[in-house]
Amino acid sequence: TRTFLQKNGLSLLVRSHEVKANGFEVQHDGQLVTIFSAPNYCDRMDNKGAFIRFGADMIPHFTTFEAVAHPQVASYVHPGMFY
């Protein structure tokens, strides 16, 4: 991670779409952040979701959240079915 960041003139790498139990994970001495916004992924993973915000100081601030109940519908419903 350190080498990649140095070669590309970066100080932080943020990636997404990998399930993390707490919705996010910080690794490699704070230089790599994984963020995952889908709580209880596929109704099976019992993970939290999270999002990240950067203020003017560019320090990451994390917000985590739990899944909420959703309507009992088929996993794929064509939008036109309800009109």
C-alpha atoms as a PDB file:
ATOM      1  CA  THR A   1       0.000   0.000   0.000  1.00  0.00           C
ATOM      2  CA  ARG A   2       2.750   2.427   0.967  1.00  0.00           C
ATOM      3  CA  THR A   3       4.597   1.935  -2.333  1.00  0.00           C
ATOM      4  CA  PHE A   4       1.406   2.393  -4.388  1.00  0.00           C
ATOM      5  CA  LEU A   5       0.528   5.585  -2.542  1.00  0.00           C
ATOM      6  CA  GLN A   6       4.037   7.007  -2.929  1.00  0.00           C
ATOM      7  CA  LYS A   7       4.204   6.202  -6.651  1.00  0.00           C
ATOM      8  CA  ASN A   8       0.846   7.910  -7.222  1.00  0.00           C
ATOM      9  CA  GLY A   9       1.285  10.915  -4.941  1.00  0.00           C
ATOM     10  CA  LEU A  10      -1.485   9.827  -2.576  1.00  0.00           C
ATOM     11  CA  SER A  11      -1.786   9.584   1.197  1.00  0.00           C
ATOM     12  CA  LEU A  12      -4.890   7.376   1.477  1.00  0.00           C
ATOM     13  CA  LEU A  13      -6.565   4.666  -0.580  1.00  0.00           C
ATOM     14  CA  VAL A  14     -10.311   4.141  -0.113  1.00  0.00           C
ATOM     15  CA  ARG A  15     -11.922   1.082  -1.641  1.00  0.00           C
ATOM     16  CA  SER A  16     -15.365  -0.448  -1.425  1.00  0.00           C
ATOM     17  CA  HIS A  17     -17.575  -3.461  -1.983  1.00  0.00           C
ATOM     18  CA  GLU A  18     -15.965  -5.962   0.344  1.00  0.00           C
ATOM     19  CA  VAL A  19     -18.091  -7.077   3.291  1.00  0.00           C
ATOM     20  CA  LYS A  20     -16.717  -5.838   6.598  1.00  0.00           C
ATOM     21  CA  ALA A  21     -18.316  -6.830   9.907  1.00  0.00           C
ATOM     22  CA  ASN A  22     -18.350  -3.257  11.235  1.00  0.00           C
ATOM     23  CA  GLY A  23     -19.083  -1.653   7.848  1.00  0.00           C
ATOM     24  CA  PHE A  24     -15.516  -0.465   7.390  1.00  0.00           C
ATOM     25  CA  GLU A  25     -11.940  -1.435   8.145  1.00  0.00           C
ATOM     26  CA  VAL A  26      -8.758   0.641   8.390  1.00  0.00           C
ATOM     27  CA  GLN A  27      -5.495  -1.161   7.575  1.00  0.00           C
ATOM     28  CA  HIS A  28      -1.850  -0.597   6.670  1.00  0.00           C
ATOM     29  CA  ASP A  29      -1.096   2.055   9.278  1.00  0.00           C
ATOM     30  CA  GLY A  30      -4.248   3.998   8.388  1.00  0.00           C
ATOM     31  CA  GLN A  31      -3.366   4.243   4.686  1.00  0.00           C
ATOM     32  CA  LEU A  32      -6.042   1.812   3.395  1.00  0.00           C
ATOM     33  CA  VAL A  33      -9.755   2.062   4.144  1.00  0.00           C
ATOM     34  CA  THR A  34     -12.379  -0.450   3.014  1.00  0.00           C
ATOM     35  CA  ILE A  35     -15.965   0.799   3.238  1.00  0.00           C
ATOM     36  CA  PHE A  36     -19.119  -1.297   2.769  1.00  0.00           C
ATOM     37  CA  SER A  37     -22.536   0.349   2.761  1.00  0.00           C
ATOM     38  CA  ALA A  38     -24.865  -2.681   2.621  1.00  0.00           C
ATOM     39  CA  PRO A  39     -25.852  -3.810   6.135  1.00  0.00           C
ATOM     40  CA  ASN A  40     -26.786  -7.473   6.591  1.00  0.00           C
ATOM     41  CA  TYR A  41     -25.578  -8.185   3.064  1.00  0.00           C
ATOM     42  CA  CYS A  42     -27.895 -10.556   1.185  1.00  0.00           C
ATOM     43  CA  ASP A  43     -29.933 -10.894   4.407  1.00  0.00           C
ATOM     44  CA  ARG A  44     -27.259 -13.306   5.649  1.00  0.00           C
ATOM     45  CA  MET A  45     -24.043 -11.608   6.692  1.00  0.00           C
ATOM     46  CA  ASP A  46     -25.205  -9.771   9.862  1.00  0.00           C
ATOM     47  CA  ASN A  47     -22.719  -6.973   9.115  1.00  0.00           C
ATOM     48  CA  LYS A  48     -23.115  -3.251   9.677  1.00  0.00           C
ATOM     49  CA  GLY A  49     -23.117  -0.752   6.833  1.00  0.00           C
ATOM     50  CA  ALA A  50     -21.010   2.390   6.810  1.00  0.00           C
ATOM     51  CA  PHE A  51     -20.254   5.556   4.927  1.00  0.00           C
ATOM     52  CA  ILE A  52     -17.296   7.887   5.043  1.00  0.00           C
ATOM     53  CA  ARG A  53     -17.128  11.683   5.007  1.00  0.00           C
ATOM     54  CA  PHE A  54     -14.127  13.952   4.611  1.00  0.00           C
ATOM     55  CA  GLY A  55     -14.077  17.435   6.108  1.00  0.00           C
ATOM     56  CA  ALA A  56     -11.865  20.303   4.987  1.00  0.00           C
ATOM     57  CA  ASP A  57      -8.991  18.652   6.876  1.00  0.00           C
ATOM     58  CA  MET A  58      -9.405  15.506   4.694  1.00  0.00           C
ATOM     59  CA  ILE A  59      -9.544  13.295   7.790  1.00  0.00           C
ATOM     60  CA  PRO A  60     -12.013  10.422   7.272  1.00  0.00           C
ATOM     61  CA  HIS A  61     -15.062  10.329   9.552  1.00  0.00           C
ATOM     62  CA  PHE A  62     -17.035   7.070   9.620  1.00  0.00           C
ATOM     63  CA  THR A  63     -20.729   6.543  10.301  1.00  0.00           C
ATOM     64  CA  THR A  64     -22.005   3.001  10.806  1.00  0.00           C
ATOM     65  CA  PHE A  65     -25.566   1.755  10.763  1.00  0.00           C
ATOM     66  CA  GLU A  66     -27.583  -1.436  11.227  1.00  0.00           C
ATOM     67  CA  ALA A  67     -29.945  -3.078   8.774  1.00  0.00           C
ATOM     68  CA  VAL A  68     -33.654  -2.327   9.065  1.00  0.00           C
ATOM     69  CA  ALA A  69     -36.573  -4.561   8.178  1.00  0.00           C
ATOM     70  CA  HIS A  70     -37.621  -4.421   4.543  1.00  0.00           C
ATOM     71  CA  PRO A  71     -40.812  -5.457   2.754  1.00  0.00           C
ATOM     72  CA  GLN A  72     -41.232  -9.161   2.101  1.00  0.00           C
ATOM     73  CA  VAL A  73     -41.029  -9.097  -1.695  1.00  0.00           C
ATOM     74  CA  ALA A  74     -39.244 -11.269  -4.209  1.00  0.00           C
ATOM     75  CA  SER A  75     -35.551 -10.452  -4.533  1.00  0.00           C
ATOM     76  CA  TYR A  76     -36.140  -9.056  -8.024  1.00  0.00           C
ATOM     77  CA  VAL A  77     -39.316  -7.211  -8.849  1.00  0.00           C
ATOM     78  CA  HIS A  78     -39.614  -5.385 -12.153  1.00  0.00           C
ATOM     79  CA  PRO A  79     -40.470  -1.724 -11.454  1.00  0.00           C
ATOM     80  CA  GLY A  80     -43.460  -1.838 -13.818  1.00  0.00           C
ATOM     81  CA  MET A  81     -45.193  -4.576 -11.809  1.00  0.00           C
ATOM     82  CA  PHE A  82     -46.673  -2.075  -9.358  1.00  0.00           C
ATOM     83  CA  TYR A  83     -48.081   0.434 -11.872  1.00  0.00           C
END
